[in-house]
Amino acid sequence: MGKIEAGTKILCRVNRTLDKGDFSILHQLNWFNMSVHSNSEYAGGTWFKERSLAGPIIFTVADGLIHNADNIAEFLAGDGYEIYAYIGVNNMKITSPVMFGDTLRAEAEVVELRPTKNPERFLFVYKNRACNQRDQQVIEYQTTMMVTKKE
């Protein structure tokens, strides 16, 4: 039996510290420019006290951390699978804000690998969560990918 079983940890190889430059470029790239994220004067009057990273961007960073350097692809390849398609994300919860200077790390775990009606394709589901340098969880979600078995 392979290593792709429910509960198997998928190791993340990198952490990422986010600075003001990261915030600016990430918000500009996706047009997520609500005042709490783009206007320091406005954000200073909120409970955040400064600009915070937008939730959809927290997801982008967390997912990038776990996919960094083909981490997921290599994990799957170890049991002879390759990624066919990124299907979707479910149950996303932003649980803490991400602020300037926070360092995020991802912690993923296999939920399941199951066949589809097509005998050449399988659904690979993993749960990812990211925490900051204080071990506070900032996001959690579940991703479904379609994979194929290599010949």
N, C-alpha and C. Protein backbone atom coordinates (compact mmCIF):
# COMPACT_ATOMS: atom_id res chain seq x y z
N MET A 1 0.86 -1.19 0.00
CA MET A 1 0.00 0.00 0.00
C MET A 1 0.89 1.24 0.00
N GLY A 2 0.45 2.26 -0.68
CA GLY A 2 1.22 3.49 -0.82
C GLY A 2 1.10 4.41 0.38
N LYS A 3 1.70 5.55 0.24
CA LYS A 3 1.70 6.53 1.33
C LYS A 3 0.52 7.49 1.27
N ILE A 4 -0.30 7.39 0.20
CA ILE A 4 -1.44 8.30 0.07
C ILE A 4 -2.64 7.68 0.77
N GLU A 5 -2.71 7.91 2.08
CA GLU A 5 -3.78 7.41 2.93
C GLU A 5 -4.30 8.55 3.79
N ALA A 6 -5.55 8.46 4.17
CA ALA A 6 -6.13 9.48 5.04
C ALA A 6 -5.25 9.66 6.26
N GLY A 7 -4.96 10.90 6.58
CA GLY A 7 -4.16 11.24 7.75
C GLY A 7 -2.68 11.42 7.47
N THR A 8 -2.22 11.00 6.28
CA THR A 8 -0.80 11.17 5.95
C THR A 8 -0.48 12.66 5.83
N LYS A 9 0.57 13.08 6.49
CA LYS A 9 1.01 14.49 6.44
C LYS A 9 1.77 14.73 5.14
N ILE A 10 1.53 15.90 4.56
CA ILE A 10 2.25 16.33 3.38
C ILE A 10 3.16 17.46 3.84
N LEU A 11 4.44 17.23 3.82
CA LEU A 11 5.38 18.19 4.36
C LEU A 11 5.52 19.42 3.47
N CYS A 12 5.54 20.56 4.09
CA CYS A 12 5.77 21.83 3.40
C CYS A 12 7.23 22.21 3.61
N ARG A 13 7.90 22.57 2.53
CA ARG A 13 9.35 22.81 2.60
C ARG A 13 9.74 24.26 2.86
N VAL A 14 8.81 25.19 2.76
CA VAL A 14 9.16 26.61 2.90
C VAL A 14 8.18 27.33 3.82
N ASN A 15 8.64 28.41 4.40
CA ASN A 15 7.81 29.37 5.11
C ASN A 15 7.95 30.69 4.36
N ARG A 16 7.05 31.63 4.60
CA ARG A 16 7.14 32.90 3.88
C ARG A 16 6.77 34.05 4.81
N THR A 17 7.70 35.01 4.95
CA THR A 17 7.42 36.24 5.68
C THR A 17 6.88 37.27 4.69
N LEU A 18 5.75 37.85 5.03
CA LEU A 18 5.08 38.81 4.14
C LEU A 18 5.36 40.23 4.62
N ASP A 19 5.91 41.04 3.74
CA ASP A 19 6.19 42.44 4.09
C ASP A 19 5.27 43.36 3.31
N LYS A 20 5.45 44.67 3.46
CA LYS A 20 4.57 45.64 2.81
C LYS A 20 4.60 45.53 1.30
N GLY A 21 5.76 45.22 0.74
CA GLY A 21 5.86 45.04 -0.71
C GLY A 21 5.01 43.87 -1.19
N ASP A 22 5.03 42.76 -0.43
CA ASP A 22 4.19 41.61 -0.77
C ASP A 22 2.72 42.00 -0.74
N PHE A 23 2.32 42.70 0.33
CA PHE A 23 0.93 43.12 0.45
C PHE A 23 0.52 43.95 -0.76
N SER A 24 1.34 44.93 -1.10
CA SER A 24 1.00 45.84 -2.20
C SER A 24 0.87 45.10 -3.52
N ILE A 25 1.85 44.29 -3.86
CA ILE A 25 1.81 43.61 -5.16
C ILE A 25 0.68 42.59 -5.22
N LEU A 26 0.46 41.85 -4.14
CA LEU A 26 -0.61 40.84 -4.14
C LEU A 26 -1.98 41.49 -4.28
N HIS A 27 -2.21 42.60 -3.58
CA HIS A 27 -3.50 43.28 -3.70
C HIS A 27 -3.67 43.90 -5.08
N GLN A 28 -2.63 44.45 -5.65
CA GLN A 28 -2.73 45.04 -6.98
C GLN A 28 -2.98 43.99 -8.06
N LEU A 29 -2.36 42.83 -7.92
CA LEU A 29 -2.53 41.79 -8.92
C LEU A 29 -3.95 41.24 -8.98
N ASN A 30 -4.65 41.21 -7.86
CA ASN A 30 -5.99 40.62 -7.89
C ASN A 30 -7.11 41.65 -7.73
N TRP A 31 -6.77 42.91 -7.66
CA TRP A 31 -7.75 44.01 -7.55
C TRP A 31 -8.57 43.94 -6.26
N PHE A 32 -8.10 43.26 -5.26
CA PHE A 32 -8.81 43.19 -3.98
C PHE A 32 -8.34 44.37 -3.14
N ASN A 33 -8.91 45.54 -3.39
CA ASN A 33 -8.40 46.78 -2.80
C ASN A 33 -9.38 47.47 -1.86
N MET A 34 -10.06 46.71 -1.03
CA MET A 34 -10.92 47.33 -0.03
C MET A 34 -10.06 48.22 0.86
N SER A 35 -10.63 49.25 1.42
CA SER A 35 -9.88 50.22 2.21
C SER A 35 -9.10 49.61 3.36
N VAL A 36 -9.64 48.59 3.99
CA VAL A 36 -8.95 47.96 5.12
C VAL A 36 -7.65 47.29 4.67
N HIS A 37 -7.53 47.03 3.36
CA HIS A 37 -6.34 46.38 2.82
C HIS A 37 -5.42 47.34 2.08
N SER A 38 -5.97 48.48 1.63
CA SER A 38 -5.17 49.35 0.77
C SER A 38 -4.98 50.78 1.28
N ASN A 39 -5.70 51.16 2.32
CA ASN A 39 -5.65 52.53 2.82
C ASN A 39 -5.20 52.52 4.28
N SER A 40 -3.96 52.88 4.52
CA SER A 40 -3.42 52.79 5.88
C SER A 40 -4.13 53.72 6.86
N GLU A 41 -4.58 54.89 6.39
CA GLU A 41 -5.32 55.81 7.28
C GLU A 41 -6.64 55.19 7.72
N TYR A 42 -7.36 54.61 6.79
CA TYR A 42 -8.62 53.95 7.12
C TYR A 42 -8.37 52.75 8.03
N ALA A 43 -7.41 51.90 7.64
CA ALA A 43 -7.13 50.68 8.39
C ALA A 43 -6.70 50.98 9.82
N GLY A 44 -6.03 52.11 10.03
CA GLY A 44 -5.60 52.48 11.37
C GLY A 44 -6.76 52.68 12.33
N GLY A 45 -7.94 52.97 11.81
CA GLY A 45 -9.13 53.16 12.64
C GLY A 45 -9.95 51.90 12.84
N THR A 46 -9.48 50.78 12.31
CA THR A 46 -10.20 49.52 12.47
C THR A 46 -9.59 48.72 13.61
N TRP A 47 -10.20 47.61 13.95
CA TRP A 47 -9.66 46.77 15.02
C TRP A 47 -8.32 46.15 14.63
N PHE A 48 -7.98 46.14 13.31
CA PHE A 48 -6.67 45.64 12.87
C PHE A 48 -5.56 46.63 13.23
N LYS A 49 -5.87 47.92 13.24
CA LYS A 49 -4.92 49.02 13.54
C LYS A 49 -3.92 49.28 12.41
N GLU A 50 -3.91 48.43 11.38
CA GLU A 50 -3.05 48.62 10.21
C GLU A 50 -3.66 47.81 9.07
N ARG A 51 -3.11 47.98 7.87
CA ARG A 51 -3.60 47.19 6.74
C ARG A 51 -3.38 45.71 7.00
N SER A 52 -4.34 44.90 6.59
CA SER A 52 -4.24 43.45 6.72
C SER A 52 -4.32 42.82 5.34
N LEU A 53 -3.87 41.59 5.24
CA LEU A 53 -3.92 40.87 3.98
C LEU A 53 -5.34 40.36 3.74
N ALA A 54 -5.86 40.57 2.53
CA ALA A 54 -7.22 40.13 2.20
C ALA A 54 -7.32 38.61 2.25
N GLY A 55 -8.47 38.12 2.69
CA GLY A 55 -8.71 36.68 2.82
C GLY A 55 -8.38 35.87 1.57
N PRO A 56 -8.85 36.29 0.38
CA PRO A 56 -8.52 35.51 -0.82
C PRO A 56 -7.02 35.44 -1.07
N ILE A 57 -6.29 36.44 -0.64
CA ILE A 57 -4.84 36.43 -0.84
C ILE A 57 -4.18 35.52 0.20
N ILE A 58 -4.75 35.44 1.40
CA ILE A 58 -4.24 34.48 2.38
C ILE A 58 -4.32 33.08 1.79
N PHE A 59 -5.44 32.78 1.12
CA PHE A 59 -5.58 31.48 0.46
C PHE A 59 -4.49 31.28 -0.60
N THR A 60 -4.26 32.30 -1.42
CA THR A 60 -3.26 32.20 -2.48
C THR A 60 -1.88 31.89 -1.90
N VAL A 61 -1.52 32.58 -0.82
CA VAL A 61 -0.22 32.34 -0.20
C VAL A 61 -0.16 30.94 0.41
N ALA A 62 -1.20 30.54 1.15
CA ALA A 62 -1.21 29.22 1.79
C ALA A 62 -1.15 28.11 0.76
N ASP A 63 -1.90 28.24 -0.32
CA ASP A 63 -1.88 27.20 -1.34
C ASP A 63 -0.54 27.19 -2.07
N GLY A 64 0.03 28.37 -2.29
CA GLY A 64 1.35 28.44 -2.90
C GLY A 64 2.41 27.78 -2.04
N LEU A 65 2.29 27.92 -0.72
CA LEU A 65 3.27 27.30 0.17
C LEU A 65 3.25 25.78 0.05
N ILE A 66 2.06 25.20 -0.02
CA ILE A 66 2.00 23.73 -0.07
C ILE A 66 2.32 23.20 -1.46
N HIS A 67 2.13 24.01 -2.50
CA HIS A 67 2.47 23.58 -3.86
C HIS A 67 3.88 24.01 -4.27
N ASN A 68 4.57 24.74 -3.43
CA ASN A 68 5.91 25.25 -3.76
C ASN A 68 6.81 24.13 -4.25
N ALA A 69 7.54 24.42 -5.32
CA ALA A 69 8.53 23.48 -5.87
C ALA A 69 7.91 22.12 -6.17
N ASP A 70 6.67 22.11 -6.63
CA ASP A 70 5.96 20.87 -6.99
C ASP A 70 5.84 19.91 -5.82
N ASN A 71 5.71 20.42 -4.61
CA ASN A 71 5.60 19.60 -3.42
C ASN A 71 4.46 18.57 -3.53
N ILE A 72 3.27 19.01 -3.91
CA ILE A 72 2.13 18.09 -4.03
C ILE A 72 2.37 17.12 -5.18
N ALA A 73 2.87 17.63 -6.30
CA ALA A 73 3.14 16.77 -7.46
C ALA A 73 4.14 15.67 -7.10
N GLU A 74 5.19 16.01 -6.37
CA GLU A 74 6.18 15.01 -5.97
C GLU A 74 5.59 14.01 -4.97
N PHE A 75 4.76 14.49 -4.07
CA PHE A 75 4.10 13.60 -3.11
C PHE A 75 3.27 12.56 -3.86
N LEU A 76 2.47 13.01 -4.82
CA LEU A 76 1.64 12.10 -5.61
C LEU A 76 2.48 11.17 -6.47
N ALA A 77 3.54 11.69 -7.05
CA ALA A 77 4.41 10.89 -7.92
C ALA A 77 5.03 9.72 -7.17
N GLY A 78 5.23 9.89 -5.88
CA GLY A 78 5.80 8.82 -5.07
C GLY A 78 4.96 7.55 -5.09
N ASP A 79 3.67 7.67 -5.37
CA ASP A 79 2.78 6.52 -5.49
C ASP A 79 2.31 6.32 -6.93
N GLY A 80 2.97 7.01 -7.88
CA GLY A 80 2.66 6.79 -9.28
C GLY A 80 1.50 7.60 -9.84
N TYR A 81 1.15 8.71 -9.19
CA TYR A 81 0.06 9.56 -9.68
C TYR A 81 0.62 10.88 -10.19
N GLU A 82 -0.14 11.51 -11.09
CA GLU A 82 0.21 12.87 -11.51
C GLU A 82 -1.05 13.71 -11.56
N ILE A 83 -0.89 15.00 -11.35
CA ILE A 83 -2.01 15.92 -11.32
C ILE A 83 -2.59 16.08 -12.72
N TYR A 84 -3.89 15.97 -12.81
CA TYR A 84 -4.61 16.15 -14.07
C TYR A 84 -5.33 17.50 -14.07
N ALA A 85 -5.98 17.85 -12.94
CA ALA A 85 -6.71 19.11 -12.86
C ALA A 85 -6.93 19.49 -11.39
N TYR A 86 -6.93 20.79 -11.15
CA TYR A 86 -7.28 21.35 -9.83
C TYR A 86 -8.79 21.55 -9.90
N ILE A 87 -9.55 20.80 -9.11
CA ILE A 87 -11.01 20.79 -9.22
C ILE A 87 -11.69 21.88 -8.38
N GLY A 88 -11.31 22.01 -7.12
CA GLY A 88 -11.99 22.99 -6.30
C GLY A 88 -11.51 23.03 -4.86
N VAL A 89 -12.06 24.01 -4.15
CA VAL A 89 -11.73 24.25 -2.75
C VAL A 89 -13.04 24.31 -1.97
N ASN A 90 -13.08 23.65 -0.83
CA ASN A 90 -14.28 23.64 0.02
C ASN A 90 -13.92 23.99 1.45
N ASN A 91 -14.95 24.41 2.19
CA ASN A 91 -14.84 24.64 3.63
C ASN A 91 -13.73 25.59 4.02
N MET A 92 -13.53 26.65 3.24
CA MET A 92 -12.48 27.61 3.56
C MET A 92 -12.92 28.49 4.73
N LYS A 93 -12.01 28.61 5.70
CA LYS A 93 -12.25 29.48 6.86
C LYS A 93 -11.01 30.32 7.09
N ILE A 94 -11.18 31.62 7.10
CA ILE A 94 -10.10 32.53 7.50
C ILE A 94 -10.26 32.69 9.01
N THR A 95 -9.26 32.28 9.77
CA THR A 95 -9.43 32.21 11.21
C THR A 95 -8.67 33.27 12.00
N SER A 96 -7.70 33.93 11.37
CA SER A 96 -6.96 35.02 12.01
C SER A 96 -6.45 35.94 10.91
N PRO A 97 -6.28 37.23 11.23
CA PRO A 97 -5.74 38.14 10.22
C PRO A 97 -4.26 37.89 9.96
N VAL A 98 -3.81 38.27 8.78
CA VAL A 98 -2.39 38.24 8.44
C VAL A 98 -1.95 39.69 8.31
N MET A 99 -0.91 40.04 9.06
CA MET A 99 -0.43 41.41 9.12
C MET A 99 0.99 41.51 8.56
N PHE A 100 1.44 42.74 8.34
CA PHE A 100 2.81 42.95 7.87
C PHE A 100 3.79 42.21 8.77
N GLY A 101 4.72 41.52 8.17
CA GLY A 101 5.76 40.84 8.92
C GLY A 101 5.43 39.43 9.38
N ASP A 102 4.18 39.00 9.20
CA ASP A 102 3.84 37.64 9.61
C ASP A 102 4.56 36.63 8.71
N THR A 103 4.98 35.53 9.31
CA THR A 103 5.61 34.43 8.58
C THR A 103 4.63 33.27 8.58
N LEU A 104 4.23 32.84 7.39
CA LEU A 104 3.25 31.75 7.28
C LEU A 104 3.94 30.44 6.90
N ARG A 105 3.37 29.35 7.41
CA ARG A 105 3.79 28.02 7.04
C ARG A 105 2.52 27.19 6.81
N ALA A 106 2.61 26.22 5.94
CA ALA A 106 1.46 25.39 5.61
C ALA A 106 1.63 24.00 6.21
N GLU A 107 0.51 23.39 6.55
CA GLU A 107 0.48 22.03 7.10
C GLU A 107 -0.65 21.30 6.41
N ALA A 108 -0.33 20.39 5.48
CA ALA A 108 -1.36 19.68 4.74
C ALA A 108 -1.44 18.22 5.18
N GLU A 109 -2.62 17.64 4.91
CA GLU A 109 -2.87 16.26 5.30
C GLU A 109 -3.82 15.63 4.28
N VAL A 110 -3.56 14.39 3.92
CA VAL A 110 -4.43 13.67 2.99
C VAL A 110 -5.78 13.41 3.65
N VAL A 111 -6.85 13.70 2.92
CA VAL A 111 -8.20 13.35 3.36
C VAL A 111 -8.61 12.04 2.71
N GLU A 112 -8.43 11.96 1.37
CA GLU A 112 -8.75 10.71 0.69
C GLU A 112 -8.21 10.71 -0.74
N LEU A 113 -8.09 9.52 -1.27
CA LEU A 113 -7.80 9.28 -2.68
C LEU A 113 -8.80 8.23 -3.10
N ARG A 114 -9.67 8.58 -4.06
CA ARG A 114 -10.71 7.63 -4.45
C ARG A 114 -10.90 7.63 -5.96
N PRO A 115 -11.34 6.50 -6.49
CA PRO A 115 -11.55 6.42 -7.93
C PRO A 115 -12.79 7.20 -8.36
N THR A 116 -12.81 7.60 -9.62
CA THR A 116 -14.00 8.21 -10.22
C THR A 116 -14.66 7.16 -11.10
N LYS A 117 -15.72 7.54 -11.79
CA LYS A 117 -16.37 6.61 -12.73
C LYS A 117 -15.43 6.26 -13.88
N ASN A 118 -14.53 7.18 -14.19
CA ASN A 118 -13.53 6.94 -15.22
C ASN A 118 -12.38 6.17 -14.56
N PRO A 119 -12.11 4.95 -14.98
CA PRO A 119 -11.07 4.14 -14.30
C PRO A 119 -9.66 4.71 -14.42
N GLU A 120 -9.46 5.70 -15.25
CA GLU A 120 -8.13 6.32 -15.40
C GLU A 120 -7.92 7.52 -14.49
N ARG A 121 -8.99 7.93 -13.80
CA ARG A 121 -8.89 9.15 -12.99
C ARG A 121 -9.34 8.90 -11.56
N PHE A 122 -8.71 9.67 -10.65
CA PHE A 122 -8.99 9.56 -9.22
C PHE A 122 -9.16 10.96 -8.65
N LEU A 123 -9.87 11.06 -7.54
CA LEU A 123 -9.97 12.33 -6.82
C LEU A 123 -9.05 12.26 -5.61
N PHE A 124 -8.16 13.24 -5.55
CA PHE A 124 -7.23 13.37 -4.42
C PHE A 124 -7.68 14.59 -3.63
N VAL A 125 -7.97 14.38 -2.35
CA VAL A 125 -8.46 15.45 -1.48
C VAL A 125 -7.47 15.63 -0.34
N TYR A 126 -7.08 16.89 -0.11
CA TYR A 126 -6.21 17.17 1.03
C TYR A 126 -6.74 18.39 1.77
N LYS A 127 -6.43 18.42 3.05
CA LYS A 127 -6.79 19.56 3.90
C LYS A 127 -5.51 20.35 4.14
N ASN A 128 -5.59 21.65 3.98
CA ASN A 128 -4.44 22.51 4.23
C ASN A 128 -4.80 23.52 5.29
N ARG A 129 -3.85 23.82 6.13
CA ARG A 129 -4.02 24.91 7.09
C ARG A 129 -2.70 25.65 7.14
N ALA A 130 -2.79 26.93 7.33
CA ALA A 130 -1.58 27.74 7.46
C ALA A 130 -1.62 28.45 8.80
N CYS A 131 -0.44 28.55 9.39
CA CYS A 131 -0.28 29.21 10.69
C CYS A 131 0.78 30.28 10.57
N ASN A 132 0.71 31.25 11.47
CA ASN A 132 1.73 32.30 11.50
C ASN A 132 2.85 31.91 12.46
N GLN A 133 3.78 32.83 12.65
CA GLN A 133 4.95 32.56 13.50
C GLN A 133 4.59 32.37 14.97
N ARG A 134 3.38 32.72 15.37
CA ARG A 134 2.92 32.52 16.75
C ARG A 134 2.08 31.25 16.88
N ASP A 135 2.12 30.40 15.84
CA ASP A 135 1.33 29.16 15.78
C ASP A 135 -0.17 29.40 15.81
N GLN A 136 -0.60 30.60 15.40
CA GLN A 136 -2.03 30.87 15.26
C GLN A 136 -2.43 30.46 13.85
N GLN A 137 -3.47 29.64 13.78
CA GLN A 137 -3.98 29.26 12.47
C GLN A 137 -4.60 30.49 11.81
N VAL A 138 -4.29 30.73 10.54
CA VAL A 138 -4.86 31.87 9.82
C VAL A 138 -5.87 31.44 8.77
N ILE A 139 -5.77 30.20 8.29
CA ILE A 139 -6.70 29.69 7.28
C ILE A 139 -6.71 28.17 7.31
N GLU A 140 -7.84 27.60 6.93
CA GLU A 140 -7.93 26.17 6.68
C GLU A 140 -8.93 25.96 5.55
N TYR A 141 -8.71 24.93 4.76
CA TYR A 141 -9.60 24.62 3.64
C TYR A 141 -9.27 23.21 3.15
N GLN A 142 -10.13 22.72 2.27
CA GLN A 142 -9.94 21.40 1.69
C GLN A 142 -9.91 21.54 0.17
N THR A 143 -8.92 20.93 -0.47
CA THR A 143 -8.75 21.01 -1.91
C THR A 143 -9.00 19.64 -2.54
N THR A 144 -9.67 19.65 -3.70
CA THR A 144 -9.87 18.44 -4.49
C THR A 144 -9.15 18.59 -5.81
N MET A 145 -8.34 17.59 -6.13
CA MET A 145 -7.63 17.56 -7.40
C MET A 145 -7.95 16.25 -8.10
N MET A 146 -8.03 16.32 -9.43
CA MET A 146 -8.16 15.08 -10.20
C MET A 146 -6.74 14.64 -10.56
N VAL A 147 -6.47 13.35 -10.36
CA VAL A 147 -5.14 12.80 -10.65
C VAL A 147 -5.30 11.57 -11.54
N THR A 148 -4.23 11.22 -12.23
CA THR A 148 -4.21 10.01 -13.05
C THR A 148 -3.08 9.12 -12.55
N LYS A 149 -3.23 7.83 -12.79
CA LYS A 149 -2.16 6.88 -12.45
C LYS A 149 -1.22 6.81 -13.63
N LYS A 150 0.07 7.02 -13.37
CA LYS A 150 1.06 6.95 -14.45
C LYS A 150 1.21 5.50 -14.90
N GLU A 151 1.45 5.34 -16.16
CA GLU A 151 1.63 4.00 -16.76
C GLU A 151 2.93 3.39 -16.31
